[in-house]
Structure formats: structure tokens, C-alpha cells
Amino acid sequence: MPQRLQELRRKEVISECDGSRIGFVDDLEIDVSDARVIAIVVFGRPRILGLFGRGEDCIIPWRKIRIIGEDTILVDFSVQKMTNKAKNRHKFVTICH
């Protein structure tokens, strides 16, 4: 079933490995040459009311998504694999060439 970007943003991402809540979809990485989604991005959690920035962003490759349900997205991903992409936070869709 097709999903709109706004619908994905309302879904919570859950780790299949340990059942932890990773967060909500904030961004997508798209390869325009192949017209496909490469990854979903969950921004890091704010530190101390957002005054001290955010934690690291979680970039989850599309191949790690197991199930996209009505309210959640189940992923085969461990939180220890997070990387920081704070410079792209102002965009909803990141385009890769």
C-alpha cells in the first residue's frame, strides 16, 4: 500500500533487536538517479530541553525496515549504529546523486 511522506512522519520506529523506541521518522534519503528511498532518518533526542543540542541522528537503511504498520515501523537496527547528520536537519527530504 502506498505511503505518503506525511503518513511516515506519524509512525514510531521500533528496533526489532531489543524492542527499544528509536523515535519518529523525521527525514528521508532519496537516490534521484534510481528514484528510490535509501534510508529513513530519525533525529536525535533533544538534550536538556533542547538547550544543549541534540543526540546523534539515527539513519536506518531502507533494507533494514521489516514491517511498516499502521502506527509503527519495525526495523532490524540497533541504536548503537547511529551517525550524526545535523547539517541536513532543515530538510525533510535529502537527495543523493
PDB file of N, CA and C in Angstrom:
ATOM      1  N   MET A   1       0.842  -1.174   0.000  1.00  0.00           N
ATOM      2  CA  MET A   1       0.000   0.000   0.000  1.00  0.00           C
ATOM      3  C   MET A   1       0.891   1.243   0.000  1.00  0.00           C
ATOM      4  N   PRO A   2       0.660   2.183  -0.899  1.00  0.00           N
ATOM      5  CA  PRO A   2       1.481   3.395  -0.958  1.00  0.00           C
ATOM      6  C   PRO A   2       1.374   4.231   0.326  1.00  0.00           C
ATOM      7  N   GLN A   3       2.493   4.837   0.701  1.00  0.00           N
ATOM      8  CA  GLN A   3       2.544   5.696   1.878  1.00  0.00           C
ATOM      9  C   GLN A   3       2.953   7.091   1.451  1.00  0.00           C
ATOM     10  N   ARG A   4       2.316   8.092   2.023  1.00  0.00           N
ATOM     11  CA  ARG A   4       2.708   9.475   1.793  1.00  0.00           C
ATOM     12  C   ARG A   4       3.770   9.847   2.822  1.00  0.00           C
ATOM     13  N   LEU A   5       4.576  10.833   2.500  1.00  0.00           N
ATOM     14  CA  LEU A   5       5.637  11.268   3.412  1.00  0.00           C
ATOM     15  C   LEU A   5       5.069  11.694   4.761  1.00  0.00           C
ATOM     16  N   GLN A   6       3.972  12.413   4.739  1.00  0.00           N
ATOM     17  CA  GLN A   6       3.374  12.875   5.992  1.00  0.00           C
ATOM     18  C   GLN A   6       2.882  11.701   6.835  1.00  0.00           C
ATOM     19  N   GLU A   7       2.430  10.636   6.199  1.00  0.00           N
ATOM     20  CA  GLU A   7       1.997   9.455   6.941  1.00  0.00           C
ATOM     21  C   GLU A   7       3.177   8.762   7.610  1.00  0.00           C
ATOM     22  N   LEU A   8       4.315   8.714   6.931  1.00  0.00           N
ATOM     23  CA  LEU A   8       5.512   8.114   7.528  1.00  0.00           C
ATOM     24  C   LEU A   8       5.982   8.904   8.743  1.00  0.00           C
ATOM     25  N   ARG A   9       5.839  10.206   8.719  1.00  0.00           N
ATOM     26  CA  ARG A   9       6.302  11.045   9.836  1.00  0.00           C
ATOM     27  C   ARG A   9       5.517  10.797  11.115  1.00  0.00           C
ATOM     28  N   ARG A  10       4.332  10.247  11.006  1.00  0.00           N
ATOM     29  CA  ARG A  10       3.499   9.979  12.187  1.00  0.00           C
ATOM     30  C   ARG A  10       3.778   8.607  12.791  1.00  0.00           C
ATOM     31  N   LYS A  11       4.639   7.829  12.173  1.00  0.00           N
ATOM     32  CA  LYS A  11       4.893   6.466  12.634  1.00  0.00           C
ATOM     33  C   LYS A  11       6.132   6.414  13.530  1.00  0.00           C
ATOM     34  N   GLU A  12       6.010   5.650  14.607  1.00  0.00           N
ATOM     35  CA  GLU A  12       7.135   5.479  15.523  1.00  0.00           C
ATOM     36  C   GLU A  12       8.008   4.325  15.038  1.00  0.00           C
ATOM     37  N   VAL A  13       9.323   4.512  15.107  1.00  0.00           N
ATOM     38  CA  VAL A  13      10.278   3.500  14.672  1.00  0.00           C
ATOM     39  C   VAL A  13      10.719   2.694  15.892  1.00  0.00           C
ATOM     40  N   ILE A  14      10.546   1.361  15.805  1.00  0.00           N
ATOM     41  CA  ILE A  14      10.870   0.450  16.905  1.00  0.00           C
ATOM     42  C   ILE A  14      11.945  -0.533  16.439  1.00  0.00           C
ATOM     43  N   SER A  15      12.931  -0.767  17.293  1.00  0.00           N
ATOM     44  CA  SER A  15      14.003  -1.725  16.990  1.00  0.00           C
ATOM     45  C   SER A  15      13.518  -3.144  17.229  1.00  0.00           C
ATOM     46  N   GLU A  16      13.657  -3.981  16.227  1.00  0.00           N
ATOM     47  CA  GLU A  16      13.307  -5.396  16.326  1.00  0.00           C
ATOM     48  C   GLU A  16      14.317  -6.125  17.222  1.00  0.00           C
ATOM     49  N   CYS A  17      15.535  -5.620  17.289  1.00  0.00           N
ATOM     50  CA  CYS A  17      16.606  -6.274  18.048  1.00  0.00           C
ATOM     51  C   CYS A  17      16.331  -6.301  19.548  1.00  0.00           C
ATOM     52  N   ASP A  18      15.951  -5.147  20.101  1.00  0.00           N
ATOM     53  CA  ASP A  18      15.756  -5.067  21.551  1.00  0.00           C
ATOM     54  C   ASP A  18      14.421  -4.447  21.965  1.00  0.00           C
ATOM     55  N   GLY A  19      13.582  -4.109  21.009  1.00  0.00           N
ATOM     56  CA  GLY A  19      12.269  -3.549  21.327  1.00  0.00           C
ATOM     57  C   GLY A  19      12.299  -2.089  21.742  1.00  0.00           C
ATOM     58  N   SER A  20      13.445  -1.429  21.607  1.00  0.00           N
ATOM     59  CA  SER A  20      13.551  -0.032  22.034  1.00  0.00           C
ATOM     60  C   SER A  20      12.880   0.907  21.029  1.00  0.00           C
ATOM     61  N   ARG A  21      12.419   2.026  21.546  1.00  0.00           N
ATOM     62  CA  ARG A  21      11.825   3.069  20.711  1.00  0.00           C
ATOM     63  C   ARG A  21      12.946   3.952  20.189  1.00  0.00           C
ATOM     64  N   ILE A  22      13.045   4.054  18.884  1.00  0.00           N
ATOM     65  CA  ILE A  22      14.097   4.881  18.290  1.00  0.00           C
ATOM     66  C   ILE A  22      13.601   6.312  18.116  1.00  0.00           C
ATOM     67  N   GLY A  23      12.364   6.493  17.776  1.00  0.00           N
ATOM     68  CA  GLY A  23      11.780   7.819  17.581  1.00  0.00           C
ATOM     69  C   GLY A  23      10.809   7.797  16.415  1.00  0.00           C
ATOM     70  N   PHE A  24      10.552   8.974  15.850  1.00  0.00           N
ATOM     71  CA  PHE A  24       9.650   9.108  14.715  1.00  0.00           C
ATOM     72  C   PHE A  24      10.443   9.491  13.473  1.00  0.00           C
ATOM     73  N   VAL A  25       9.946   9.118  12.309  1.00  0.00           N
ATOM     74  CA  VAL A  25      10.609   9.446  11.048  1.00  0.00           C
ATOM     75  C   VAL A  25      10.624  10.963  10.884  1.00  0.00           C
ATOM     76  N   ASP A  26      11.807  11.539  10.689  1.00  0.00           N
ATOM     77  CA  ASP A  26      11.941  12.978  10.502  1.00  0.00           C
ATOM     78  C   ASP A  26      12.369  13.361   9.097  1.00  0.00           C
ATOM     79  N   ASP A  27      13.062  12.455   8.417  1.00  0.00           N
ATOM     80  CA  ASP A  27      13.648  12.789   7.123  1.00  0.00           C
ATOM     81  C   ASP A  27      13.789  11.514   6.309  1.00  0.00           C
ATOM     82  N   LEU A  28      13.998  11.679   5.012  1.00  0.00           N
ATOM     83  CA  LEU A  28      14.254  10.566   4.110  1.00  0.00           C
ATOM     84  C   LEU A  28      15.480  10.874   3.277  1.00  0.00           C
ATOM     85  N   GLU A  29      16.231   9.846   2.912  1.00  0.00           N
ATOM     86  CA  GLU A  29      17.307   9.996   1.941  1.00  0.00           C
ATOM     87  C   GLU A  29      16.826   9.314   0.667  1.00  0.00           C
ATOM     88  N   ILE A  30      16.872  10.055  -0.447  1.00  0.00           N
ATOM     89  CA  ILE A  30      16.355   9.562  -1.720  1.00  0.00           C
ATOM     90  C   ILE A  30      17.450   9.613  -2.771  1.00  0.00           C
ATOM     91  N   ASP A  31      17.593   8.535  -3.519  1.00  0.00           N
ATOM     92  CA  ASP A  31      18.514   8.489  -4.651  1.00  0.00           C
ATOM     93  C   ASP A  31      17.708   8.863  -5.893  1.00  0.00           C
ATOM     94  N   VAL A  32      17.951  10.055  -6.438  1.00  0.00           N
ATOM     95  CA  VAL A  32      17.155  10.531  -7.570  1.00  0.00           C
ATOM     96  C   VAL A  32      17.506   9.817  -8.867  1.00  0.00           C
ATOM     97  N   SER A  33      18.700   9.260  -8.980  1.00  0.00           N
ATOM     98  CA  SER A  33      19.044   8.559 -10.214  1.00  0.00           C
ATOM     99  C   SER A  33      18.265   7.252 -10.361  1.00  0.00           C
ATOM    100  N   ASP A  34      17.945   6.614  -9.236  1.00  0.00           N
ATOM    101  CA  ASP A  34      17.164   5.378  -9.247  1.00  0.00           C
ATOM    102  C   ASP A  34      15.719   5.584  -8.812  1.00  0.00           C
ATOM    103  N   ALA A  35      15.395   6.778  -8.362  1.00  0.00           N
ATOM    104  CA  ALA A  35      14.045   7.099  -7.864  1.00  0.00           C
ATOM    105  C   ALA A  35      13.628   6.127  -6.761  1.00  0.00           C
ATOM    106  N   ARG A  36      14.486   6.021  -5.725  1.00  0.00           N
ATOM    107  CA  ARG A  36      14.152   5.127  -4.624  1.00  0.00           C
ATOM    108  C   ARG A  36      14.618   5.724  -3.298  1.00  0.00           C
ATOM    109  N   VAL A  37      13.967   5.292  -2.235  1.00  0.00           N
ATOM    110  CA  VAL A  37      14.331   5.728  -0.892  1.00  0.00           C
ATOM    111  C   VAL A  37      15.514   4.888  -0.428  1.00  0.00           C
ATOM    112  N   ILE A  38      16.557   5.550   0.051  1.00  0.00           N
ATOM    113  CA  ILE A  38      17.756   4.863   0.535  1.00  0.00           C
ATOM    114  C   ILE A  38      17.646   4.584   2.030  1.00  0.00           C
ATOM    115  N   ALA A  39      17.135   5.564   2.790  1.00  0.00           N
ATOM    116  CA  ALA A  39      17.094   5.424   4.242  1.00  0.00           C
ATOM    117  C   ALA A  39      16.045   6.346   4.843  1.00  0.00           C
ATOM    118  N   ILE A  40      15.638   6.000   6.064  1.00  0.00           N
ATOM    119  CA  ILE A  40      14.824   6.917   6.856  1.00  0.00           C
ATOM    120  C   ILE A  40      15.734   7.487   7.936  1.00  0.00           C
ATOM    121  N   VAL A  41      15.447   8.706   8.367  1.00  0.00           N
ATOM    122  CA  VAL A  41      16.278   9.379   9.360  1.00  0.00           C
ATOM    123  C   VAL A  41      15.403   9.765  10.547  1.00  0.00           C
ATOM    124  N   VAL A  42      15.885   9.417  11.740  1.00  0.00           N
ATOM    125  CA  VAL A  42      15.245   9.818  12.985  1.00  0.00           C
ATOM    126  C   VAL A  42      16.215  10.760  13.675  1.00  0.00           C
ATOM    127  N   PHE A  43      15.808  12.015  13.895  1.00  0.00           N
ATOM    128  CA  PHE A  43      16.690  12.976  14.547  1.00  0.00           C
ATOM    129  C   PHE A  43      16.951  12.568  15.991  1.00  0.00           C
ATOM    130  N   GLY A  44      18.132  12.937  16.490  1.00  0.00           N
ATOM    131  CA  GLY A  44      18.491  12.655  17.875  1.00  0.00           C
ATOM    132  C   GLY A  44      17.579  13.398  18.842  1.00  0.00           C
ATOM    133  N   ARG A  45      17.463  12.854  20.018  1.00  0.00           N
ATOM    134  CA  ARG A  45      16.602  13.465  21.043  1.00  0.00           C
ATOM    135  C   ARG A  45      17.245  14.729  21.592  1.00  0.00           C
ATOM    136  N   PRO A  46      16.421  15.736  21.907  1.00  0.00           N
ATOM    137  CA  PRO A  46      16.961  16.979  22.478  1.00  0.00           C
ATOM    138  C   PRO A  46      17.604  16.724  23.839  1.00  0.00           C
ATOM    139  N   ARG A  47      18.685  17.441  24.097  1.00  0.00           N
ATOM    140  CA  ARG A  47      19.355  17.340  25.394  1.00  0.00           C
ATOM    141  C   ARG A  47      18.928  18.508  26.267  1.00  0.00           C
ATOM    142  N   ILE A  48      18.521  18.232  27.449  1.00  0.00           N
ATOM    143  CA  ILE A  48      18.128  19.213  28.455  1.00  0.00           C
ATOM    144  C   ILE A  48      17.311  20.354  27.834  1.00  0.00           C
ATOM    145  N   LEU A  49      16.065  20.039  27.518  1.00  0.00           N
ATOM    146  CA  LEU A  49      15.093  20.990  26.956  1.00  0.00           C
ATOM    147  C   LEU A  49      15.552  21.599  25.630  1.00  0.00           C
ATOM    148  N   GLY A  50      16.463  20.960  24.947  1.00  0.00           N
ATOM    149  CA  GLY A  50      16.941  21.450  23.669  1.00  0.00           C
ATOM    150  C   GLY A  50      18.005  22.535  23.764  1.00  0.00           C
ATOM    151  N   LEU A  51      18.392  22.898  24.978  1.00  0.00           N
ATOM    152  CA  LEU A  51      19.384  23.957  25.162  1.00  0.00           C
ATOM    153  C   LEU A  51      20.798  23.512  24.811  1.00  0.00           C
ATOM    154  N   PHE A  52      21.055  22.219  24.870  1.00  0.00           N
ATOM    155  CA  PHE A  52      22.398  21.709  24.608  1.00  0.00           C
ATOM    156  C   PHE A  52      22.437  20.846  23.352  1.00  0.00           C
ATOM    157  N   GLY A  53      21.635  21.203  22.382  1.00  0.00           N
ATOM    158  CA  GLY A  53      21.624  20.485  21.108  1.00  0.00           C
ATOM    159  C   GLY A  53      20.840  19.192  21.170  1.00  0.00           C
ATOM    160  N   ARG A  54      21.208  18.295  20.304  1.00  0.00           N
ATOM    161  CA  ARG A  54      20.528  17.011  20.199  1.00  0.00           C
ATOM    162  C   ARG A  54      21.540  15.881  20.235  1.00  0.00           C
ATOM    163  N   GLY A  55      21.008  14.689  20.495  1.00  0.00           N
ATOM    164  CA  GLY A  55      21.823  13.483  20.396  1.00  0.00           C
ATOM    165  C   GLY A  55      22.076  13.182  18.927  1.00  0.00           C
ATOM    166  N   GLU A  56      22.743  12.090  18.649  1.00  0.00           N
ATOM    167  CA  GLU A  56      23.062  11.730  17.276  1.00  0.00           C
ATOM    168  C   GLU A  56      21.820  11.290  16.516  1.00  0.00           C
ATOM    169  N   ASP A  57      21.792  11.595  15.226  1.00  0.00           N
ATOM    170  CA  ASP A  57      20.696  11.169  14.366  1.00  0.00           C
ATOM    171  C   ASP A  57      20.850   9.685  14.061  1.00  0.00           C
ATOM    172  N   CYS A  58      19.743   9.038  13.826  1.00  0.00           N
ATOM    173  CA  CYS A  58      19.726   7.622  13.520  1.00  0.00           C
ATOM    174  C   CYS A  58      19.335   7.461  12.052  1.00  0.00           C
ATOM    175  N   ILE A  59      20.245   6.971  11.233  1.00  0.00           N
ATOM    176  CA  ILE A  59      19.997   6.768   9.807  1.00  0.00           C
ATOM    177  C   ILE A  59      19.807   5.277   9.582  1.00  0.00           C
ATOM    178  N   ILE A  60      18.606   4.894   9.195  1.00  0.00           N
ATOM    179  CA  ILE A  60      18.254   3.488   9.059  1.00  0.00           C
ATOM    180  C   ILE A  60      18.100   3.153   7.582  1.00  0.00           C
ATOM    181  N   PRO A  61      18.985   2.308   7.048  1.00  0.00           N
ATOM    182  CA  PRO A  61      18.872   1.926   5.635  1.00  0.00           C
ATOM    183  C   PRO A  61      17.517   1.272   5.339  1.00  0.00           C
ATOM    184  N   TRP A  62      16.987   1.529   4.161  1.00  0.00           N
ATOM    185  CA  TRP A  62      15.669   1.018   3.773  1.00  0.00           C
ATOM    186  C   TRP A  62      15.621  -0.508   3.860  1.00  0.00           C
ATOM    187  N   ARG A  63      16.724  -1.180   3.552  1.00  0.00           N
ATOM    188  CA  ARG A  63      16.748  -2.644   3.589  1.00  0.00           C
ATOM    189  C   ARG A  63      16.596  -3.194   5.003  1.00  0.00           C
ATOM    190  N   LYS A  64      16.784  -2.349   6.028  1.00  0.00           N
ATOM    191  CA  LYS A  64      16.643  -2.773   7.421  1.00  0.00           C
ATOM    192  C   LYS A  64      15.206  -2.669   7.926  1.00  0.00           C
ATOM    193  N   ILE A  65      14.314  -2.099   7.121  1.00  0.00           N
ATOM    194  CA  ILE A  65      12.906  -1.997   7.515  1.00  0.00           C
ATOM    195  C   ILE A  65      12.257  -3.350   7.307  1.00  0.00           C
ATOM    196  N   ARG A  66      11.638  -3.880   8.359  1.00  0.00           N
ATOM    197  CA  ARG A  66      10.985  -5.188   8.286  1.00  0.00           C
ATOM    198  C   ARG A  66       9.494  -5.047   7.990  1.00  0.00           C
ATOM    199  N   ILE A  67       8.810  -4.176   8.720  1.00  0.00           N
ATOM    200  CA  ILE A  67       7.365  -4.017   8.566  1.00  0.00           C
ATOM    201  C   ILE A  67       7.004  -2.548   8.754  1.00  0.00           C
ATOM    202  N   ILE A  68       6.153  -2.042   7.873  1.00  0.00           N
ATOM    203  CA  ILE A  68       5.565  -0.715   8.069  1.00  0.00           C
ATOM    204  C   ILE A  68       4.107  -0.952   8.417  1.00  0.00           C
ATOM    205  N   GLY A  69       3.779  -0.750   9.668  1.00  0.00           N
ATOM    206  CA  GLY A  69       2.425  -0.982  10.150  1.00  0.00           C
ATOM    207  C   GLY A  69       1.602   0.293  10.166  1.00  0.00           C
ATOM    208  N   GLU A  70       0.443   0.203  10.776  1.00  0.00           N
ATOM    209  CA  GLU A  70      -0.467   1.345  10.840  1.00  0.00           C
ATOM    210  C   GLU A  70       0.097   2.476  11.702  1.00  0.00           C
ATOM    211  N   ASP A  71       0.742   2.119  12.821  1.00  0.00           N
ATOM    212  CA  ASP A  71       1.263   3.125  13.750  1.00  0.00           C
ATOM    213  C   ASP A  71       2.775   3.083  13.918  1.00  0.00           C
ATOM    214  N   THR A  72       3.404   1.981  13.536  1.00  0.00           N
ATOM    215  CA  THR A  72       4.830   1.818  13.795  1.00  0.00           C
ATOM    216  C   THR A  72       5.575   1.268  12.582  1.00  0.00           C
ATOM    217  N   ILE A  73       6.884   1.453  12.628  1.00  0.00           N
ATOM    218  CA  ILE A  73       7.788   0.861  11.643  1.00  0.00           C
ATOM    219  C   ILE A  73       8.765  -0.003  12.430  1.00  0.00           C
ATOM    220  N   LEU A  74       8.784  -1.304  12.136  1.00  0.00           N
ATOM    221  CA  LEU A  74       9.670  -2.236  12.807  1.00  0.00           C
ATOM    222  C   LEU A  74      10.931  -2.394  11.973  1.00  0.00           C
ATOM    223  N   VAL A  75      12.102  -2.169  12.609  1.00  0.00           N
ATOM    224  CA  VAL A  75      13.374  -2.208  11.884  1.00  0.00           C
ATOM    225  C   VAL A  75      14.347  -3.177  12.532  1.00  0.00           C
ATOM    226  N   ASP A  76      15.195  -3.783  11.713  1.00  0.00           N
ATOM    227  CA  ASP A  76      16.276  -4.638  12.184  1.00  0.00           C
ATOM    228  C   ASP A  76      17.500  -3.738  12.316  1.00  0.00           C
ATOM    229  N   PHE A  77      17.556  -3.004  13.424  1.00  0.00           N
ATOM    230  CA  PHE A  77      18.561  -1.962  13.589  1.00  0.00           C
ATOM    231  C   PHE A  77      18.837  -1.768  15.065  1.00  0.00           C
ATOM    232  N   SER A  78      20.102  -1.608  15.408  1.00  0.00           N
ATOM    233  CA  SER A  78      20.498  -1.361  16.781  1.00  0.00           C
ATOM    234  C   SER A  78      20.835   0.114  16.945  1.00  0.00           C
ATOM    235  N   VAL A  79      20.470   0.697  18.044  1.00  0.00           N
ATOM    236  CA  VAL A  79      20.684   2.126  18.290  1.00  0.00           C
ATOM    237  C   VAL A  79      22.170   2.475  18.320  1.00  0.00           C
ATOM    238  N   GLN A  80      23.042   1.524  18.554  1.00  0.00           N
ATOM    239  CA  GLN A  80      24.487   1.787  18.593  1.00  0.00           C
ATOM    240  C   GLN A  80      25.045   2.142  17.222  1.00  0.00           C
ATOM    241  N   LYS A  81      24.278   1.970  16.143  1.00  0.00           N
ATOM    242  CA  LYS A  81      24.750   2.239  14.786  1.00  0.00           C
ATOM    243  C   LYS A  81      24.412   3.655  14.316  1.00  0.00           C
ATOM    244  N   MET A  82      24.134   4.562  15.228  1.00  0.00           N
ATOM    245  CA  MET A  82      23.699   5.897  14.852  1.00  0.00           C
ATOM    246  C   MET A  82      24.855   6.762  14.355  1.00  0.00           C
ATOM    247  N   THR A  83      24.538   7.683  13.402  1.00  0.00           N
ATOM    248  CA  THR A  83      25.501   8.659  12.914  1.00  0.00           C
ATOM    249  C   THR A  83      24.861  10.034  12.954  1.00  0.00           C
ATOM    250  N   ASN A  84      25.674  11.072  12.970  1.00  0.00           N
ATOM    251  CA  ASN A  84      25.148  12.434  13.078  1.00  0.00           C
ATOM    252  C   ASN A  84      25.057  13.096  11.714  1.00  0.00           C
ATOM    253  N   LYS A  85      23.887  13.626  11.395  1.00  0.00           N
ATOM    254  CA  LYS A  85      23.679  14.368  10.153  1.00  0.00           C
ATOM    255  C   LYS A  85      22.968  15.684  10.475  1.00  0.00           C
ATOM    256  N   ALA A  86      23.426  16.364  11.494  1.00  0.00           N
ATOM    257  CA  ALA A  86      22.763  17.585  11.941  1.00  0.00           C
ATOM    258  C   ALA A  86      22.706  18.650  10.858  1.00  0.00           C
ATOM    259  N   LYS A  87      23.652  18.656   9.939  1.00  0.00           N
ATOM    260  CA  LYS A  87      23.663  19.694   8.913  1.00  0.00           C
ATOM    261  C   LYS A  87      22.477  19.580   7.957  1.00  0.00           C
ATOM    262  N   ASN A  88      21.838  18.420   7.872  1.00  0.00           N
ATOM    263  CA  ASN A  88      20.698  18.235   6.979  1.00  0.00           C
ATOM    264  C   ASN A  88      19.362  18.311   7.702  1.00  0.00           C
ATOM    265  N   ARG A  89      19.328  18.752   8.940  1.00  0.00           N
ATOM    266  CA  ARG A  89      18.086  18.771   9.709  1.00  0.00           C
ATOM    267  C   ARG A  89      17.034  19.714   9.162  1.00  0.00           C
ATOM    268  N   HIS A  90      17.433  20.740   8.434  1.00  0.00           N
ATOM    269  CA  HIS A  90      16.463  21.703   7.948  1.00  0.00           C
ATOM    270  C   HIS A  90      15.651  21.167   6.772  1.00  0.00           C
ATOM    271  N   LYS A  91      16.055  20.046   6.200  1.00  0.00           N
ATOM    272  CA  LYS A  91      15.369  19.473   5.061  1.00  0.00           C
ATOM    273  C   LYS A  91      14.506  18.300   5.506  1.00  0.00           C
ATOM    274  N   PHE A  92      13.382  18.083   4.821  1.00  0.00           N
ATOM    275  CA  PHE A  92      12.615  16.872   5.092  1.00  0.00           C
ATOM    276  C   PHE A  92      13.118  15.739   4.212  1.00  0.00           C
ATOM    277  N   VAL A  93      13.456  16.047   2.984  1.00  0.00           N
ATOM    278  CA  VAL A  93      13.949  15.023   2.078  1.00  0.00           C
ATOM    279  C   VAL A  93      15.385  15.352   1.678  1.00  0.00           C
ATOM    280  N   THR A  94      16.290  14.405   1.876  1.00  0.00           N
ATOM    281  CA  THR A  94      17.679  14.556   1.468  1.00  0.00           C
ATOM    282  C   THR A  94      17.858  13.813   0.153  1.00  0.00           C
ATOM    283  N   ILE A  95      18.397  14.464  -0.849  1.00  0.00           N
ATOM    284  CA  ILE A  95      18.545  13.852  -2.162  1.00  0.00           C
ATOM    285  C   ILE A  95      19.988  13.466  -2.389  1.00  0.00           C
ATOM    286  N   CYS A  96      20.211  12.204  -2.752  1.00  0.00           N
ATOM    287  CA  CYS A  96      21.552  11.688  -3.044  1.00  0.00           C
ATOM    288  C   CYS A  96      21.683  11.490  -4.535  1.00  0.00           C
ATOM    289  N   HIS A  97      22.870  11.769  -5.074  1.00  0.00           N
ATOM    290  CA  HIS A  97      23.103  11.606  -6.518  1.00  0.00           C
ATOM    291  C   HIS A  97      23.899  10.363  -6.782  1.00  0.00           C
TER     292      HIS A  97
END
